Amino acid sequence: MTTDYSTAIAACNQCALACEQCWTACLQEDDTDMLTDCIRTDIDCAGICRFTAALLARRSEFIEQVCQLCVEVCAKCATICEQHNHDHCQECAAACRACASACRALIN
C-alpha cells in the first residue's frame, strides 16, 4: 500500500511559508531583541519543513526520522510564537501545529 504524503507535503510547505513571513514581520517590529528566539526558530523551522516536504515528495527512506525532527522543531516554534501577541506569530504557531500534526500522523 502506498502512503499518500500530499497532506503532509502541503502542511510542510504552508508552515515554511508562515515561518518565512513571521520572521520577516518580526524584523519589522519595534523590539526585535525580544523576538530573537522567534526569528531563529522560524528560520530553523522553515528549513526543516522545506527539507521534509522534499523528502516526502521523493519518498526517501529517511521519512520517519525527518518527520520526527520536523514534529519537534514545529512544536518548539509554535510554543515560542504563541508567546507573542503579533498576528504573524499566532498564524505561524497555527501553521506549525498543523504541520506537526500532519507529520506525526505519518510516523504513528
N, C-alpha and C. Protein backbone atom coordinates (compact mmCIF):
# COMPACT_ATOMS: atom_id res chain seq x y z
N MET A 1 0.84 -1.19 0.00
CA MET A 1 0.00 0.00 0.00
C MET A 1 0.88 1.24 0.00
N THR A 2 0.57 2.18 -0.84
CA THR A 2 1.35 3.40 -0.96
C THR A 2 0.74 4.49 -0.09
N THR A 3 1.57 5.12 0.71
CA THR A 3 1.11 6.20 1.57
C THR A 3 0.97 7.48 0.77
N ASP A 4 -0.12 8.20 1.01
CA ASP A 4 -0.34 9.49 0.36
C ASP A 4 0.28 10.57 1.25
N TYR A 5 1.32 11.18 0.75
CA TYR A 5 2.03 12.20 1.50
C TYR A 5 1.57 13.62 1.18
N SER A 6 0.56 13.77 0.33
CA SER A 6 0.19 15.10 -0.16
C SER A 6 -0.25 16.04 0.97
N THR A 7 -0.96 15.54 1.95
CA THR A 7 -1.40 16.40 3.07
C THR A 7 -0.21 16.91 3.86
N ALA A 8 0.73 16.02 4.15
CA ALA A 8 1.91 16.42 4.92
C ALA A 8 2.81 17.36 4.10
N ILE A 9 2.94 17.11 2.82
CA ILE A 9 3.74 18.00 1.96
C ILE A 9 3.13 19.39 1.96
N ALA A 10 1.82 19.47 1.80
CA ALA A 10 1.14 20.78 1.80
C ALA A 10 1.30 21.47 3.15
N ALA A 11 1.18 20.72 4.24
CA ALA A 11 1.33 21.30 5.58
C ALA A 11 2.75 21.81 5.80
N CYS A 12 3.73 21.04 5.33
CA CYS A 12 5.13 21.46 5.46
C CYS A 12 5.39 22.74 4.67
N ASN A 13 4.90 22.78 3.45
CA ASN A 13 5.10 23.98 2.62
C ASN A 13 4.39 25.19 3.19
N GLN A 14 3.18 25.00 3.72
CA GLN A 14 2.44 26.10 4.33
C GLN A 14 3.15 26.59 5.59
N CYS A 15 3.69 25.67 6.36
CA CYS A 15 4.40 26.05 7.58
C CYS A 15 5.67 26.82 7.24
N ALA A 16 6.41 26.34 6.25
CA ALA A 16 7.63 27.05 5.84
C ALA A 16 7.30 28.47 5.42
N LEU A 17 6.25 28.64 4.66
CA LEU A 17 5.84 29.98 4.22
C LEU A 17 5.44 30.85 5.41
N ALA A 18 4.67 30.28 6.34
CA ALA A 18 4.24 31.04 7.52
C ALA A 18 5.45 31.45 8.36
N CYS A 19 6.43 30.56 8.49
CA CYS A 19 7.64 30.88 9.25
C CYS A 19 8.44 31.99 8.55
N GLU A 20 8.55 31.91 7.24
CA GLU A 20 9.27 32.95 6.49
C GLU A 20 8.58 34.30 6.64
N GLN A 21 7.26 34.30 6.57
CA GLN A 21 6.51 35.55 6.74
C GLN A 21 6.63 36.06 8.16
N CYS A 22 6.64 35.17 9.13
CA CYS A 22 6.75 35.56 10.53
C CYS A 22 8.09 36.21 10.81
N TRP A 23 9.18 35.56 10.39
CA TRP A 23 10.48 36.14 10.73
C TRP A 23 10.69 37.46 10.00
N THR A 24 10.15 37.59 8.79
CA THR A 24 10.25 38.86 8.07
C THR A 24 9.47 39.95 8.81
N ALA A 25 8.29 39.61 9.27
CA ALA A 25 7.48 40.57 10.02
C ALA A 25 8.12 40.89 11.38
N CYS A 26 8.70 39.89 12.03
CA CYS A 26 9.37 40.13 13.31
C CYS A 26 10.49 41.16 13.16
N LEU A 27 11.19 41.09 12.05
CA LEU A 27 12.29 42.03 11.82
C LEU A 27 11.81 43.46 11.64
N GLN A 28 10.52 43.63 11.38
CA GLN A 28 9.94 44.96 11.21
C GLN A 28 9.35 45.51 12.52
N GLU A 29 9.29 44.68 13.54
CA GLU A 29 8.73 45.11 14.83
C GLU A 29 9.70 46.04 15.55
N ASP A 30 9.17 46.81 16.49
CA ASP A 30 9.98 47.78 17.23
C ASP A 30 11.03 47.12 18.12
N ASP A 31 10.68 46.04 18.79
CA ASP A 31 11.58 45.41 19.74
C ASP A 31 12.05 44.05 19.21
N THR A 32 12.96 44.08 18.25
CA THR A 32 13.43 42.83 17.65
C THR A 32 14.25 41.99 18.63
N ASP A 33 14.85 42.63 19.64
CA ASP A 33 15.61 41.86 20.64
C ASP A 33 14.70 40.87 21.37
N MET A 34 13.47 41.27 21.61
CA MET A 34 12.51 40.41 22.28
C MET A 34 12.11 39.23 21.39
N LEU A 35 12.30 39.37 20.10
CA LEU A 35 11.86 38.37 19.14
C LEU A 35 12.99 37.51 18.58
N THR A 36 14.17 37.62 19.14
CA THR A 36 15.34 36.90 18.62
C THR A 36 15.10 35.39 18.57
N ASP A 37 14.61 34.80 19.64
CA ASP A 37 14.35 33.35 19.65
C ASP A 37 13.29 32.98 18.61
N CYS A 38 12.29 33.82 18.48
CA CYS A 38 11.23 33.59 17.49
C CYS A 38 11.82 33.58 16.08
N ILE A 39 12.63 34.57 15.77
CA ILE A 39 13.23 34.67 14.43
C ILE A 39 14.12 33.47 14.15
N ARG A 40 14.99 33.14 15.08
CA ARG A 40 15.90 31.98 14.90
C ARG A 40 15.13 30.69 14.68
N THR A 41 14.11 30.48 15.50
CA THR A 41 13.34 29.25 15.39
C THR A 41 12.51 29.23 14.11
N ASP A 42 11.99 30.38 13.71
CA ASP A 42 11.28 30.46 12.42
C ASP A 42 12.18 30.03 11.27
N ILE A 43 13.41 30.50 11.29
CA ILE A 43 14.37 30.16 10.22
C ILE A 43 14.65 28.66 10.22
N ASP A 44 14.90 28.09 11.40
CA ASP A 44 15.14 26.65 11.50
C ASP A 44 13.92 25.86 11.05
N CYS A 45 12.75 26.29 11.48
CA CYS A 45 11.52 25.57 11.17
C CYS A 45 11.23 25.62 9.67
N ALA A 46 11.39 26.76 9.06
CA ALA A 46 11.17 26.87 7.61
C ALA A 46 12.11 25.92 6.87
N GLY A 47 13.35 25.86 7.30
CA GLY A 47 14.32 24.98 6.65
C GLY A 47 13.97 23.52 6.77
N ILE A 48 13.61 23.07 7.98
CA ILE A 48 13.29 21.66 8.16
C ILE A 48 11.98 21.31 7.45
N CYS A 49 11.05 22.24 7.41
CA CYS A 49 9.78 21.97 6.71
C CYS A 49 10.00 21.82 5.21
N ARG A 50 10.81 22.68 4.62
CA ARG A 50 11.11 22.56 3.19
C ARG A 50 11.84 21.24 2.91
N PHE A 51 12.77 20.89 3.77
CA PHE A 51 13.53 19.65 3.62
C PHE A 51 12.61 18.44 3.74
N THR A 52 11.72 18.47 4.73
CA THR A 52 10.78 17.37 4.93
C THR A 52 9.86 17.21 3.73
N ALA A 53 9.34 18.31 3.22
CA ALA A 53 8.47 18.25 2.03
C ALA A 53 9.21 17.61 0.86
N ALA A 54 10.46 17.98 0.68
CA ALA A 54 11.24 17.43 -0.43
C ALA A 54 11.45 15.92 -0.25
N LEU A 55 11.78 15.48 0.96
CA LEU A 55 11.98 14.05 1.19
C LEU A 55 10.68 13.26 1.05
N LEU A 56 9.58 13.85 1.48
CA LEU A 56 8.29 13.20 1.29
C LEU A 56 7.95 13.08 -0.19
N ALA A 57 8.22 14.12 -0.94
CA ALA A 57 7.90 14.11 -2.37
C ALA A 57 8.67 13.03 -3.12
N ARG A 58 9.89 12.76 -2.68
CA ARG A 58 10.68 11.73 -3.36
C ARG A 58 10.67 10.39 -2.62
N ARG A 59 9.81 10.30 -1.60
CA ARG A 59 9.63 9.05 -0.85
C ARG A 59 10.96 8.49 -0.33
N SER A 60 11.70 9.34 0.31
CA SER A 60 13.00 8.99 0.86
C SER A 60 12.88 7.87 1.91
N GLU A 61 13.94 7.12 2.05
CA GLU A 61 13.97 6.09 3.09
C GLU A 61 14.09 6.69 4.49
N PHE A 62 14.36 7.99 4.59
CA PHE A 62 14.56 8.65 5.88
C PHE A 62 13.33 9.44 6.36
N ILE A 63 12.19 9.15 5.78
CA ILE A 63 10.97 9.90 6.11
C ILE A 63 10.65 9.86 7.60
N GLU A 64 10.73 8.70 8.22
CA GLU A 64 10.38 8.61 9.64
C GLU A 64 11.27 9.50 10.50
N GLN A 65 12.57 9.45 10.27
CA GLN A 65 13.50 10.25 11.07
C GLN A 65 13.31 11.75 10.83
N VAL A 66 13.15 12.11 9.57
CA VAL A 66 13.00 13.53 9.24
C VAL A 66 11.66 14.06 9.74
N CYS A 67 10.61 13.27 9.62
CA CYS A 67 9.30 13.70 10.13
C CYS A 67 9.34 13.88 11.64
N GLN A 68 10.05 13.01 12.34
CA GLN A 68 10.16 13.15 13.80
C GLN A 68 10.85 14.47 14.15
N LEU A 69 11.93 14.78 13.44
CA LEU A 69 12.62 16.06 13.68
C LEU A 69 11.71 17.24 13.34
N CYS A 70 10.97 17.13 12.25
CA CYS A 70 10.06 18.20 11.85
C CYS A 70 9.00 18.43 12.93
N VAL A 71 8.47 17.35 13.48
CA VAL A 71 7.49 17.47 14.57
C VAL A 71 8.08 18.23 15.74
N GLU A 72 9.30 17.89 16.13
CA GLU A 72 9.95 18.53 17.27
C GLU A 72 10.23 20.01 17.01
N VAL A 73 10.74 20.34 15.84
CA VAL A 73 11.06 21.73 15.53
C VAL A 73 9.78 22.55 15.41
N CYS A 74 8.76 22.00 14.76
CA CYS A 74 7.49 22.72 14.63
C CYS A 74 6.85 22.96 16.00
N ALA A 75 6.91 21.98 16.88
CA ALA A 75 6.33 22.14 18.22
C ALA A 75 7.05 23.24 18.98
N LYS A 76 8.38 23.27 18.89
CA LYS A 76 9.14 24.31 19.57
C LYS A 76 8.82 25.68 18.98
N CYS A 77 8.77 25.77 17.67
CA CYS A 77 8.47 27.05 17.01
C CYS A 77 7.08 27.54 17.41
N ALA A 78 6.11 26.63 17.44
CA ALA A 78 4.75 27.02 17.84
C ALA A 78 4.73 27.55 19.27
N THR A 79 5.43 26.87 20.15
CA THR A 79 5.47 27.29 21.56
C THR A 79 6.06 28.69 21.69
N ILE A 80 7.13 28.94 20.97
CA ILE A 80 7.78 30.26 21.03
C ILE A 80 6.88 31.33 20.41
N CYS A 81 6.32 31.05 19.24
CA CYS A 81 5.47 32.05 18.58
C CYS A 81 4.21 32.36 19.39
N GLU A 82 3.66 31.35 20.06
CA GLU A 82 2.45 31.56 20.86
C GLU A 82 2.67 32.54 22.01
N GLN A 83 3.90 32.77 22.38
CA GLN A 83 4.21 33.70 23.47
C GLN A 83 4.07 35.16 23.04
N HIS A 84 3.95 35.40 21.75
CA HIS A 84 3.88 36.78 21.23
C HIS A 84 2.48 37.05 20.69
N ASN A 85 2.00 38.26 20.91
CA ASN A 85 0.63 38.61 20.51
C ASN A 85 0.50 39.07 19.07
N HIS A 86 1.60 39.15 18.35
CA HIS A 86 1.54 39.59 16.96
C HIS A 86 0.74 38.58 16.13
N ASP A 87 -0.08 39.10 15.21
CA ASP A 87 -0.87 38.21 14.35
C ASP A 87 0.02 37.24 13.59
N HIS A 88 1.16 37.74 13.08
CA HIS A 88 2.03 36.87 12.29
C HIS A 88 2.59 35.73 13.14
N CYS A 89 2.85 35.98 14.41
CA CYS A 89 3.33 34.92 15.30
C CYS A 89 2.23 33.90 15.58
N GLN A 90 1.02 34.37 15.79
CA GLN A 90 -0.10 33.47 16.05
C GLN A 90 -0.42 32.62 14.82
N GLU A 91 -0.36 33.22 13.64
CA GLU A 91 -0.59 32.47 12.40
C GLU A 91 0.51 31.44 12.18
N CYS A 92 1.73 31.81 12.49
CA CYS A 92 2.86 30.89 12.36
C CYS A 92 2.68 29.72 13.32
N ALA A 93 2.31 30.00 14.55
CA ALA A 93 2.11 28.94 15.54
C ALA A 93 1.05 27.95 15.07
N ALA A 94 -0.03 28.46 14.50
CA ALA A 94 -1.09 27.57 13.99
C ALA A 94 -0.58 26.69 12.85
N ALA A 95 0.19 27.28 11.95
CA ALA A 95 0.75 26.51 10.83
C ALA A 95 1.73 25.46 11.34
N CYS A 96 2.50 25.81 12.36
CA CYS A 96 3.45 24.86 12.95
C CYS A 96 2.71 23.70 13.60
N ARG A 97 1.65 23.98 14.32
CA ARG A 97 0.87 22.92 14.96
C ARG A 97 0.25 21.99 13.91
N ALA A 98 -0.25 22.57 12.81
CA ALA A 98 -0.83 21.76 11.74
C ALA A 98 0.21 20.88 11.07
N CYS A 99 1.38 21.42 10.86
CA CYS A 99 2.47 20.67 10.23
C CYS A 99 2.91 19.53 11.15
N ALA A 100 3.09 19.83 12.41
CA ALA A 100 3.50 18.80 13.37
C ALA A 100 2.47 17.66 13.39
N SER A 101 1.21 18.01 13.36
CA SER A 101 0.15 17.01 13.36
C SER A 101 0.18 16.14 12.11
N ALA A 102 0.38 16.77 10.95
CA ALA A 102 0.43 16.02 9.68
C ALA A 102 1.64 15.09 9.64
N CYS A 103 2.77 15.55 10.11
CA CYS A 103 3.97 14.70 10.13
C CYS A 103 3.86 13.59 11.16
N ARG A 104 3.27 13.92 12.32
CA ARG A 104 3.09 12.92 13.37
C ARG A 104 2.19 11.79 12.86
N ALA A 105 1.18 12.14 12.07
CA ALA A 105 0.27 11.13 11.53
C ALA A 105 0.98 10.12 10.63
N LEU A 106 2.06 10.54 10.01
CA LEU A 106 2.80 9.64 9.13
C LEU A 106 3.68 8.66 9.89
N ILE A 107 4.07 9.02 11.09
CA ILE A 107 5.02 8.17 11.82
C ILE A 107 4.38 7.43 12.99
N ASN A 108 3.12 7.70 13.26
CA ASN A 108 2.43 7.00 14.36
C ASN A 108 1.45 5.99 13.82
